[in-house]
Amino acid sequence: MAYTPHVPVKPEKIVGVAANLVEPKLTLAKLVTREGYGKFAGVEGDTLTYRVPGILPYRRMNFRDSRDTPIKFDIYKEGKTTLTWGGYIYNGTRLTDEQAQFDLNGWAGLLAPQSEAVAAGINQAACDLITSAPYEVTIAGIGSDATHSVKKAFNEARKVLNRFGIPQTGRIAIVGTDVEQVMLDDDKLTLAQYVGDVRAGTALAEAIIGRLSGFTIVVDNTIDAGEVYFMVATGFVQLLGAPLVPQSNPFGAGINVDGLALRWLRDYDMDFRTDRSLIDAWEGHNFVKDRFLPKHVLATDDPHTPFDPNSLNEFFVRGIKGTLDGAVTDSVYPTGAAKADLIAATEISAADPRRWGHAA
């Protein structure tokens, strides 16, 4: 009798399916800057550094100015955001012989739930990152009356980000479900149709409801229902990595799909006659701060004015928080001597009569 060899499914193929199952579940995790472990392989310890571009002042000099004093050669210094692996996001489960053969058709019935659990963890980590950032501006009382409509809140966020010098391309507004409802119930609000490169059929594509004031609007139910976050993806960095597959493990593989790295391990526990499965990933995240030049330095006419890059304070300005709750007067803008550079460079302060809640 001829021998027919077994045709086992290679673990790399199964992990590829798992990654494809996870990726469409991601919404917030696809709205931040995602980096894979491979970019940082070989670094010392578990702390990584993400480079932030520096800033330099421009200088002017008139014809026939005195040449008694040399011009100033400025020092360029980049900033950095430190990223530390926060740990594992994982799901492990067991499958008995009976379940594998009679109930779930092997791991085909459990791979999707396991992948979805890991996806939920990755997405929640991105949510925690976005919602816990130290926002310098909070727009409160959105939709409290006709004067402070959702549209005007979007216009205010646009103005503030413009003053912060944030690029107008790639701006996103993540809205909670209550904010979405207020927007949909507003007969006077017209959303522009979104046209982008998000793949059809993904959870993110389904969550996009349009554009307003230069923001692509994404609905998410993991943030507070009454909140909205105006942001750009470069304001947040999330690291994802697949741990190595131990050589002693009989069945396992790792894969990286679109920045999403996973590891899948399987073995058989003879003591309890169960097949065990583990899907996991490393995850770490942080927000990105920027340095601001005081306006008197940025626009100086004196080519000899000294400039010390170490004297600049760092602020998180790549995002703005908004909320339906509270009164308009609960809005927050930069104040205080510690934020003098930020206020001077942007002219955004509580005393600014053009801010949210005051007449233009």
Protein backbone atom coordinates (compact mmCIF):
# COMPACT_ATOMS: atom_id res chain seq x y z
CA MET A 1 0.00 0.00 0.00
CA ALA A 2 1.34 3.42 -0.93
CA TYR A 3 2.16 5.73 1.95
CA THR A 4 0.39 9.10 2.06
CA PRO A 5 2.42 11.55 4.16
CA HIS A 6 0.76 13.88 6.62
CA VAL A 7 0.38 17.50 5.54
CA PRO A 8 0.64 19.62 8.69
CA VAL A 9 -0.17 23.33 8.57
CA LYS A 10 3.04 25.33 9.00
CA PRO A 11 2.93 27.61 12.05
CA GLU A 12 4.01 30.62 9.98
CA LYS A 13 0.83 30.30 7.94
CA ILE A 14 -1.36 30.14 11.04
CA VAL A 15 0.30 33.17 12.60
CA GLY A 16 -0.27 35.04 9.35
CA VAL A 17 -3.98 34.36 9.70
CA ALA A 18 -3.87 35.48 13.33
CA ALA A 19 -2.21 38.76 12.41
CA ASN A 20 -4.80 39.40 9.72
CA LEU A 21 -7.54 38.71 12.23
CA VAL A 22 -6.07 41.18 14.71
CA GLU A 23 -5.23 44.02 12.33
CA PRO A 24 -8.82 44.80 11.24
CA LYS A 25 -9.85 45.14 14.91
CA LEU A 26 -7.50 48.07 15.46
CA THR A 27 -8.78 51.64 15.37
CA LEU A 28 -6.85 53.86 17.80
CA ALA A 29 -3.70 51.79 17.39
CA LYS A 30 -3.74 52.65 13.67
CA LEU A 31 -4.04 56.38 14.41
CA VAL A 32 -0.73 56.66 16.26
CA THR A 33 2.82 56.25 14.98
CA ARG A 34 3.61 52.54 15.19
CA GLU A 35 7.12 51.16 15.30
CA GLY A 36 8.26 47.57 15.18
CA TYR A 37 10.86 45.93 17.39
CA GLY A 38 13.24 45.32 14.48
CA LYS A 39 14.05 49.03 14.15
CA PHE A 40 15.50 49.04 17.65
CA ALA A 41 17.04 45.56 17.77
CA GLY A 42 20.37 45.44 19.55
CA VAL A 43 19.83 48.40 21.88
CA GLU A 44 20.88 48.14 25.49
CA GLY A 45 18.18 47.29 28.01
CA ASP A 46 14.46 47.76 27.43
CA THR A 47 14.42 51.56 27.04
CA LEU A 48 14.41 53.02 23.53
CA THR A 49 14.78 56.58 22.28
CA TYR A 50 12.59 58.19 19.63
CA ARG A 51 14.16 61.26 17.99
CA VAL A 52 12.28 64.57 17.87
CA PRO A 53 13.58 67.20 15.39
CA GLY A 54 15.21 70.24 16.93
CA ILE A 55 14.53 73.89 16.19
CA LEU A 56 16.74 76.85 15.27
CA PRO A 57 16.08 80.61 15.15
CA TYR A 58 16.52 82.64 12.01
CA ARG A 59 18.60 85.81 12.14
CA ARG A 60 18.88 88.98 10.05
CA MET A 61 21.63 91.43 9.37
CA ASN A 62 21.37 94.69 7.46
CA PHE A 63 23.73 96.00 4.80
CA ARG A 64 26.60 98.09 6.14
CA ASP A 65 26.05 96.97 9.77
CA SER A 66 29.08 97.15 12.00
CA ARG A 67 31.49 94.23 11.65
CA ASP A 68 32.95 94.77 15.12
CA THR A 69 31.00 91.88 16.63
CA PRO A 70 30.97 88.39 15.10
CA ILE A 71 27.69 86.85 14.04
CA LYS A 72 26.17 84.10 16.17
CA PHE A 73 26.46 80.48 15.10
CA ASP A 74 23.61 78.64 16.77
CA ILE A 75 23.70 75.16 18.22
CA TYR A 76 21.25 72.59 16.89
CA LYS A 77 19.94 70.15 19.48
CA GLU A 78 17.34 67.47 18.92
CA GLY A 79 14.81 66.39 21.48
CA LYS A 80 13.95 62.83 22.36
CA THR A 81 11.07 60.76 23.60
CA THR A 82 11.97 57.80 25.78
CA LEU A 83 10.04 54.61 25.15
CA THR A 84 10.03 51.68 27.55
CA TRP A 85 8.47 48.30 26.90
CA GLY A 86 5.42 48.12 29.14
CA GLY A 87 5.27 44.32 29.07
CA TYR A 88 3.28 41.62 27.32
CA ILE A 89 -0.20 41.73 25.88
CA TYR A 90 -1.29 38.12 25.55
CA ASN A 91 -4.01 35.52 25.61
CA GLY A 92 -3.51 31.89 26.52
CA THR A 93 -6.05 29.11 26.39
CA ARG A 94 -6.32 25.31 26.52
CA LEU A 95 -8.09 22.86 24.26
CA THR A 96 -8.92 19.29 25.25
CA ASP A 97 -8.80 16.38 22.81
CA GLU A 98 -12.59 16.17 22.82
CA GLN A 99 -13.04 19.89 22.17
CA ALA A 100 -10.50 19.83 19.37
CA GLN A 101 -12.14 16.91 17.56
CA PHE A 102 -15.85 17.36 18.27
CA ASP A 103 -16.59 20.93 19.31
CA LEU A 104 -14.25 23.53 17.82
CA ASN A 105 -12.65 21.86 14.84
CA GLY A 106 -9.22 22.31 16.38
CA TRP A 107 -7.64 25.73 16.79
CA ALA A 108 -9.60 27.18 13.88
CA GLY A 109 -12.41 27.97 16.32
CA LEU A 110 -10.20 29.62 18.95
CA LEU A 111 -7.66 31.49 16.89
CA ALA A 112 -10.03 34.36 16.12
CA PRO A 113 -11.13 34.95 19.75
CA GLN A 114 -7.51 34.81 20.91
CA SER A 115 -6.45 37.29 18.24
CA GLU A 116 -9.33 39.61 19.07
CA ALA A 117 -8.31 39.59 22.73
CA VAL A 118 -4.76 40.67 21.84
CA ALA A 119 -6.15 43.32 19.48
CA ALA A 120 -8.35 44.70 22.26
CA GLY A 121 -5.30 44.98 24.52
CA ILE A 122 -3.24 46.78 21.88
CA ASN A 123 -6.12 49.14 21.13
CA GLN A 124 -6.69 49.86 24.84
CA ALA A 125 -3.01 50.67 25.28
CA ALA A 126 -3.31 53.22 22.46
CA CYS A 127 -6.46 54.60 24.12
CA ASP A 128 -4.67 55.01 27.46
CA LEU A 129 -1.82 56.79 25.67
CA ILE A 130 -4.10 59.28 23.90
CA THR A 131 -6.38 60.01 26.85
CA SER A 132 -3.59 60.47 29.42
CA ALA A 133 -1.37 62.88 27.47
CA PRO A 134 -0.67 66.28 29.17
CA TYR A 135 -2.78 68.48 26.88
CA GLU A 136 -2.00 72.19 27.08
CA VAL A 137 -5.44 73.16 25.75
CA THR A 138 -8.84 71.72 26.66
CA ILE A 139 -12.00 72.94 24.95
CA ALA A 140 -14.90 72.47 27.36
CA GLY A 141 -18.66 72.93 27.02
CA ILE A 142 -18.84 71.83 23.39
CA GLY A 143 -22.40 72.00 22.08
CA SER A 144 -23.65 73.76 25.22
CA ASP A 145 -25.37 76.38 23.05
CA ALA A 146 -25.44 77.70 19.50
CA THR A 147 -22.48 79.97 20.19
CA HIS A 148 -20.33 77.00 21.19
CA SER A 149 -21.39 74.45 18.61
CA VAL A 150 -19.42 71.39 17.58
CA LYS A 151 -18.37 73.15 14.39
CA LYS A 152 -16.99 76.11 16.32
CA ALA A 153 -15.12 73.73 18.61
CA PHE A 154 -13.51 72.14 15.56
CA ASN A 155 -12.63 75.60 14.26
CA GLU A 156 -11.10 76.48 17.63
CA ALA A 157 -9.02 73.30 17.63
CA ARG A 158 -7.85 74.08 14.10
CA LYS A 159 -6.82 77.61 15.15
CA VAL A 160 -4.90 76.38 18.19
CA LEU A 161 -3.03 73.67 16.26
CA ASN A 162 -2.20 76.25 13.60
CA ARG A 163 -0.69 78.52 16.24
CA PHE A 164 1.23 75.61 17.67
CA GLY A 165 2.72 75.12 14.21
CA ILE A 166 1.27 71.64 13.72
CA PRO A 167 1.06 70.61 10.02
CA GLN A 168 -2.44 70.73 8.58
CA THR A 169 -2.08 67.41 6.80
CA GLY A 170 -2.97 64.24 8.67
CA ARG A 171 -5.10 65.84 11.38
CA ILE A 172 -7.53 63.50 13.12
CA ALA A 173 -10.46 64.04 15.48
CA ILE A 174 -11.30 60.97 17.59
CA VAL A 175 -14.81 61.39 18.93
CA GLY A 176 -16.71 59.43 21.56
CA THR A 177 -20.17 58.09 20.87
CA ASP A 178 -21.99 60.97 22.60
CA VAL A 179 -20.02 63.51 20.56
CA GLU A 180 -20.87 61.56 17.43
CA GLN A 181 -24.56 61.69 18.35
CA VAL A 182 -24.44 65.46 18.85
CA MET A 183 -22.81 65.85 15.46
CA LEU A 184 -25.33 63.61 13.70
CA ASP A 185 -28.26 65.38 15.36
CA ASP A 186 -27.05 68.80 14.23
CA ASP A 187 -29.01 69.55 11.06
CA LYS A 188 -26.76 72.52 10.31
CA LEU A 189 -23.59 70.45 10.37
CA THR A 190 -22.39 69.10 7.05
CA LEU A 191 -19.46 66.69 7.00
CA ALA A 192 -17.26 66.46 3.95
CA GLN A 193 -16.80 63.01 2.51
CA TYR A 194 -13.58 61.31 3.52
CA VAL A 195 -11.23 60.26 0.75
CA GLY A 196 -8.06 58.52 1.89
CA ASP A 197 -5.88 55.47 1.69
CA VAL A 198 -7.45 53.46 4.51
CA ARG A 199 -8.23 49.99 3.26
CA ALA A 200 -11.90 49.25 2.80
CA GLY A 201 -13.40 46.74 5.18
CA THR A 202 -11.17 47.50 8.15
CA ALA A 203 -12.57 48.67 11.47
CA LEU A 204 -10.89 52.04 10.99
CA ALA A 205 -12.52 52.60 7.60
CA GLU A 206 -15.90 51.80 9.12
CA ALA A 207 -15.28 54.24 11.99
CA ILE A 208 -14.56 57.26 9.75
CA ILE A 209 -17.68 59.40 9.37
CA GLY A 210 -16.27 62.33 7.38
CA ARG A 211 -14.17 65.48 7.59
CA LEU A 212 -14.70 68.83 9.26
CA SER A 213 -12.38 71.87 9.49
CA GLY A 214 -9.47 69.83 8.16
CA PHE A 215 -9.92 66.91 10.58
CA THR A 216 -10.71 63.33 9.60
CA ILE A 217 -13.35 62.25 12.13
CA VAL A 218 -13.05 58.78 13.64
CA VAL A 219 -15.58 57.36 16.09
CA ASP A 220 -14.24 55.16 18.87
CA ASN A 221 -16.06 53.57 21.80
CA THR A 222 -13.00 53.02 23.99
CA ILE A 223 -12.58 56.71 24.83
CA ASP A 224 -15.08 58.52 27.06
CA ALA A 225 -18.36 58.99 25.20
CA GLY A 226 -18.35 62.75 25.77
CA GLU A 227 -14.77 63.45 24.72
CA VAL A 228 -13.00 64.34 21.49
CA TYR A 229 -9.26 64.37 20.80
CA PHE A 230 -7.85 66.56 18.02
CA MET A 231 -4.42 65.17 17.12
CA VAL A 232 -1.81 64.11 14.61
CA ALA A 233 -0.32 60.62 14.55
CA THR A 234 3.21 61.90 15.22
CA GLY A 235 2.14 63.02 18.68
CA PHE A 236 2.04 59.44 19.91
CA VAL A 237 4.35 56.46 19.41
CA GLN A 238 3.42 52.84 20.08
CA LEU A 239 5.99 50.05 19.96
CA LEU A 240 4.95 46.52 19.11
CA GLY A 241 7.24 43.50 19.01
CA ALA A 242 7.03 39.73 18.86
CA PRO A 243 9.15 37.87 21.43
CA LEU A 244 11.45 35.22 20.01
CA VAL A 245 10.14 31.68 19.63
CA PRO A 246 12.08 29.44 22.04
CA GLN A 247 14.06 26.76 20.22
CA SER A 248 12.84 24.22 22.75
CA ASN A 249 9.22 24.85 21.83
CA PRO A 250 7.94 22.27 19.32
CA PHE A 251 5.44 24.53 17.52
CA GLY A 252 5.60 28.30 17.17
CA ALA A 253 6.37 31.26 14.93
CA GLY A 254 6.54 35.02 14.81
CA ILE A 255 5.36 37.46 12.16
CA ASN A 256 5.13 41.22 11.59
CA VAL A 257 2.21 42.54 9.54
CA ASP A 258 1.82 46.29 8.99
CA GLY A 259 3.80 47.04 12.15
CA LEU A 260 1.83 44.52 14.18
CA ALA A 261 4.10 41.82 15.58
CA LEU A 262 2.75 38.64 17.17
CA ARG A 263 4.09 35.37 18.49
CA TRP A 264 2.13 32.10 18.57
CA LEU A 265 3.22 29.14 20.68
CA ARG A 266 1.58 25.73 21.03
CA ASP A 267 2.42 22.64 23.03
CA TYR A 268 0.71 19.62 24.57
CA ASP A 269 0.36 19.14 28.32
CA MET A 270 0.38 15.38 28.81
CA ASP A 271 -0.47 15.63 32.52
CA PHE A 272 -3.86 17.15 31.72
CA ARG A 273 -4.19 15.99 28.09
CA THR A 274 -4.75 19.51 26.76
CA ASP A 275 -3.30 21.43 23.87
CA ARG A 276 -2.14 24.90 24.97
CA SER A 277 -2.03 28.02 22.82
CA LEU A 278 -0.46 31.41 23.54
CA ILE A 279 -0.63 34.52 21.33
CA ASP A 280 1.34 37.49 22.65
CA ALA A 281 3.20 40.68 21.81
CA TRP A 282 5.41 43.24 23.50
CA GLU A 283 3.96 46.73 23.79
CA GLY A 284 5.26 50.14 24.84
CA HIS A 285 4.15 53.72 24.19
CA ASN A 286 4.68 57.41 24.93
CA PHE A 287 3.65 60.85 23.70
CA VAL A 288 5.99 63.29 21.93
CA LYS A 289 6.89 66.72 23.30
CA ASP A 290 8.20 69.69 21.28
CA ARG A 291 10.41 72.65 22.13
CA PHE A 292 9.25 76.20 21.52
CA LEU A 293 11.35 79.23 20.82
CA PRO A 294 10.14 82.43 22.48
CA LYS A 295 8.95 84.84 19.83
CA HIS A 296 11.63 87.43 20.66
CA VAL A 297 14.27 84.82 19.85
CA LEU A 298 12.53 83.35 16.84
CA ALA A 299 12.09 86.72 15.15
CA THR A 300 15.17 88.49 16.43
CA ASP A 301 16.79 91.14 14.27
CA ASP A 302 19.98 90.97 16.31
CA PRO A 303 22.44 88.52 14.74
CA HIS A 304 24.49 88.55 17.95
CA THR A 305 21.79 87.55 20.47
CA PRO A 306 22.90 84.35 22.20
CA PHE A 307 20.61 81.37 22.06
CA ASP A 308 20.84 78.41 24.44
CA PRO A 309 18.88 75.37 23.19
CA ASN A 310 19.05 73.85 26.67
CA SER A 311 17.00 76.73 28.06
CA LEU A 312 13.87 75.78 26.15
CA ASN A 313 11.00 74.00 27.85
CA GLU A 314 9.19 71.08 26.23
CA PHE A 315 5.44 70.87 25.79
CA PHE A 316 2.99 68.38 24.35
CA VAL A 317 1.21 70.36 21.63
CA ARG A 318 0.42 67.74 19.00
CA GLY A 319 -3.05 67.24 20.39
CA ILE A 320 -5.98 69.08 21.99
CA LYS A 321 -8.68 67.65 24.23
CA GLY A 322 -12.36 68.54 23.94
CA THR A 323 -15.34 67.63 26.09
CA LEU A 324 -19.08 68.03 26.09
CA ASP A 325 -19.08 68.27 29.89
CA GLY A 326 -18.46 71.40 31.90
CA ALA A 327 -18.98 75.04 31.10
CA VAL A 328 -17.17 76.97 28.42
CA THR A 329 -15.30 78.77 31.20
CA ASP A 330 -13.79 75.42 32.24
CA SER A 331 -11.64 75.46 29.11
CA VAL A 332 -7.90 75.39 29.74
CA TYR A 333 -5.18 77.40 27.97
CA PRO A 334 -1.45 77.79 28.75
CA THR A 335 -0.81 80.06 31.72
CA GLY A 336 2.01 80.78 34.15
CA ALA A 337 5.67 81.68 34.03
CA ALA A 338 6.70 78.08 33.44
CA LYS A 339 4.95 78.18 30.07
CA ALA A 340 6.19 81.60 29.02
CA ASP A 341 7.98 80.22 25.97
CA LEU A 342 4.86 78.48 24.73
CA ILE A 343 2.65 81.52 25.28
CA ALA A 344 5.14 83.89 23.68
CA ALA A 345 5.64 81.71 20.65
CA THR A 346 1.96 81.06 19.98
CA GLU A 347 0.03 83.92 21.64
CA ILE A 348 -2.36 81.35 23.11
CA SER A 349 -3.34 82.19 26.66
CA ALA A 350 -6.32 82.55 28.94
CA ALA A 351 -6.16 86.32 28.43
CA ASP A 352 -6.44 86.05 24.66
CA PRO A 353 -9.87 87.51 23.75
CA ARG A 354 -9.93 85.39 20.59
CA ARG A 355 -9.89 82.14 22.50
CA TRP A 356 -12.83 79.73 22.77
CA GLY A 357 -15.78 81.26 24.56
CA HIS A 358 -15.00 84.89 23.75
CA ALA A 359 -16.09 87.11 20.91
CA ALA A 360 -13.81 87.15 17.91
